[in-house]
Amino acid sequence: MQPDRERAASEFRRMMGWIALAGALMVIASLCYLSLYGPLRLHMVVAAIAGIFVSVLLGCGLFAAAFFSDKSGHDREVTDATRREPRD
């Protein structure tokens, strides 16, 4: 069971790396788009970076955590632990 957890943890780290890259690319694209309509001010840039990057990381990261929980066997352990044994 341990190799499954190690493999799932490795996949989770790789997935979070791709999610962070996607978030960074979305921030760059949004700043390019915003620059088309006027000058970029410091507060606007900081707010865009924080809002877009954190939103992407949080939303996708929670999905990645759910997939990690299933692949690593944590969900099965909880299901087995809460299952009641029939009494004779």
C-alpha atoms as a PDB file:
ATOM      1  CA  MET A   1       0.000   0.000   0.000  1.00  0.00           C
ATOM      2  CA  GLN A   2       2.939   2.325   0.632  1.00  0.00           C
ATOM      3  CA  PRO A   3       4.119   2.395  -3.027  1.00  0.00           C
ATOM      4  CA  ASP A   4       0.640   3.620  -4.024  1.00  0.00           C
ATOM      5  CA  ARG A   5       0.960   6.552  -1.633  1.00  0.00           C
ATOM      6  CA  GLU A   6       4.438   7.426  -2.854  1.00  0.00           C
ATOM      7  CA  ARG A   7       3.284   7.286  -6.476  1.00  0.00           C
ATOM      8  CA  ALA A   8       0.193   9.373  -5.643  1.00  0.00           C
ATOM      9  CA  ALA A   9       2.340  11.930  -3.787  1.00  0.00           C
ATOM     10  CA  SER A  10       4.694  12.148  -6.762  1.00  0.00           C
ATOM     11  CA  GLU A  11       1.762  12.662  -9.141  1.00  0.00           C
ATOM     12  CA  PHE A  12       0.297  15.286  -6.796  1.00  0.00           C
ATOM     13  CA  ARG A  13       3.557  17.278  -6.731  1.00  0.00           C
ATOM     14  CA  ARG A  14       3.812  17.083 -10.522  1.00  0.00           C
ATOM     15  CA  MET A  15       0.175  18.146 -10.898  1.00  0.00           C
ATOM     16  CA  MET A  16       0.676  21.118  -8.550  1.00  0.00           C
ATOM     17  CA  GLY A  17       3.677  22.193 -10.626  1.00  0.00           C
ATOM     18  CA  TRP A  18       1.561  22.201 -13.778  1.00  0.00           C
ATOM     19  CA  ILE A  19      -1.203  24.066 -11.963  1.00  0.00           C
ATOM     20  CA  ALA A  20       1.266  26.727 -10.789  1.00  0.00           C
ATOM     21  CA  LEU A  21       2.567  27.074 -14.343  1.00  0.00           C
ATOM     22  CA  ALA A  22      -0.980  27.431 -15.680  1.00  0.00           C
ATOM     23  CA  GLY A  23      -1.703  30.070 -13.033  1.00  0.00           C
ATOM     24  CA  ALA A  24       1.421  32.024 -13.969  1.00  0.00           C
ATOM     25  CA  LEU A  25       0.509  31.884 -17.662  1.00  0.00           C
ATOM     26  CA  MET A  26      -3.015  33.093 -16.876  1.00  0.00           C
ATOM     27  CA  VAL A  27      -1.594  36.015 -14.877  1.00  0.00           C
ATOM     28  CA  ILE A  28       0.704  36.976 -17.771  1.00  0.00           C
ATOM     29  CA  ALA A  29      -2.138  36.712 -20.282  1.00  0.00           C
ATOM     30  CA  SER A  30      -4.488  38.773 -18.129  1.00  0.00           C
ATOM     31  CA  LEU A  31      -1.885  41.499 -17.594  1.00  0.00           C
ATOM     32  CA  CYS A  32      -1.278  41.638 -21.346  1.00  0.00           C
ATOM     33  CA  TYR A  33      -5.023  41.937 -21.903  1.00  0.00           C
ATOM     34  CA  LEU A  34      -5.380  44.658 -19.259  1.00  0.00           C
ATOM     35  CA  SER A  35      -2.498  46.612 -20.760  1.00  0.00           C
ATOM     36  CA  LEU A  36      -4.451  46.938 -24.007  1.00  0.00           C
ATOM     37  CA  TYR A  37      -7.020  49.172 -22.311  1.00  0.00           C
ATOM     38  CA  GLY A  38      -4.780  51.527 -20.396  1.00  0.00           C
ATOM     39  CA  PRO A  39      -1.641  51.851 -18.333  1.00  0.00           C
ATOM     40  CA  LEU A  40      -0.989  49.270 -15.672  1.00  0.00           C
ATOM     41  CA  ARG A  41      -0.838  50.723 -12.195  1.00  0.00           C
ATOM     42  CA  LEU A  42       0.989  49.000  -9.340  1.00  0.00           C
ATOM     43  CA  HIS A  43      -2.150  48.294  -7.325  1.00  0.00           C
ATOM     44  CA  MET A  44      -3.924  46.829 -10.340  1.00  0.00           C
ATOM     45  CA  VAL A  45      -0.979  44.559 -11.142  1.00  0.00           C
ATOM     46  CA  VAL A  46      -0.655  43.327  -7.546  1.00  0.00           C
ATOM     47  CA  ALA A  47      -4.412  42.719  -7.287  1.00  0.00           C
ATOM     48  CA  ALA A  48      -4.503  40.876 -10.608  1.00  0.00           C
ATOM     49  CA  ILE A  49      -1.522  38.699  -9.709  1.00  0.00           C
ATOM     50  CA  ALA A  50      -2.881  37.857  -6.275  1.00  0.00           C
ATOM     51  CA  GLY A  51      -6.468  37.319  -7.370  1.00  0.00           C
ATOM     52  CA  ILE A  52      -5.842  35.270 -10.495  1.00  0.00           C
ATOM     53  CA  PHE A  53      -2.929  33.172  -9.247  1.00  0.00           C
ATOM     54  CA  VAL A  54      -4.493  32.397  -5.864  1.00  0.00           C
ATOM     55  CA  SER A  55      -7.866  31.581  -7.433  1.00  0.00           C
ATOM     56  CA  VAL A  56      -6.330  29.180  -9.952  1.00  0.00           C
ATOM     57  CA  LEU A  57      -4.109  27.569  -7.323  1.00  0.00           C
ATOM     58  CA  LEU A  58      -6.940  27.188  -4.823  1.00  0.00           C
ATOM     59  CA  GLY A  59      -9.545  25.876  -7.249  1.00  0.00           C
ATOM     60  CA  CYS A  60      -7.292  23.455  -9.099  1.00  0.00           C
ATOM     61  CA  GLY A  61      -5.367  22.540  -5.956  1.00  0.00           C
ATOM     62  CA  LEU A  62      -8.508  21.390  -4.203  1.00  0.00           C
ATOM     63  CA  PHE A  63      -9.380  19.147  -7.139  1.00  0.00           C
ATOM     64  CA  ALA A  64      -5.816  17.808  -7.144  1.00  0.00           C
ATOM     65  CA  ALA A  65      -6.084  17.100  -3.403  1.00  0.00           C
ATOM     66  CA  ALA A  66      -9.311  15.170  -3.969  1.00  0.00           C
ATOM     67  CA  PHE A  67      -7.641  13.058  -6.664  1.00  0.00           C
ATOM     68  CA  PHE A  68      -4.613  12.510  -4.386  1.00  0.00           C
ATOM     69  CA  SER A  69      -6.862  11.363  -1.557  1.00  0.00           C
ATOM     70  CA  ASP A  70      -8.503   8.793  -3.798  1.00  0.00           C
ATOM     71  CA  LYS A  71      -5.300   7.540  -5.465  1.00  0.00           C
ATOM     72  CA  SER A  72      -3.320   7.273  -2.223  1.00  0.00           C
ATOM     73  CA  GLY A  73      -5.912   5.085  -0.514  1.00  0.00           C
ATOM     74  CA  HIS A  74      -6.952   7.578   2.163  1.00  0.00           C
ATOM     75  CA  ASP A  75     -10.570   7.443   1.013  1.00  0.00           C
ATOM     76  CA  ARG A  76     -10.615   3.640   1.251  1.00  0.00           C
ATOM     77  CA  GLU A  77      -9.197   3.745   4.793  1.00  0.00           C
ATOM     78  CA  VAL A  78     -11.905   6.137   5.933  1.00  0.00           C
ATOM     79  CA  THR A  79     -14.615   4.063   4.254  1.00  0.00           C
ATOM     80  CA  ASP A  80     -13.335   0.886   5.871  1.00  0.00           C
ATOM     81  CA  ALA A  81     -12.968   2.542   9.282  1.00  0.00           C
ATOM     82  CA  THR A  82     -16.535   3.842   9.302  1.00  0.00           C
ATOM     83  CA  ARG A  83     -18.125   0.673   7.988  1.00  0.00           C
ATOM     84  CA  ARG A  84     -20.014  -1.119  10.712  1.00  0.00           C
ATOM     85  CA  GLU A  85     -19.561  -4.789  11.293  1.00  0.00           C
ATOM     86  CA  PRO A  86     -22.777  -6.800  11.524  1.00  0.00           C
ATOM     87  CA  ARG A  87     -23.502  -8.079  15.030  1.00  0.00           C
ATOM     88  CA  ASP A  88     -24.490 -11.688  15.558  1.00  0.00           C
END
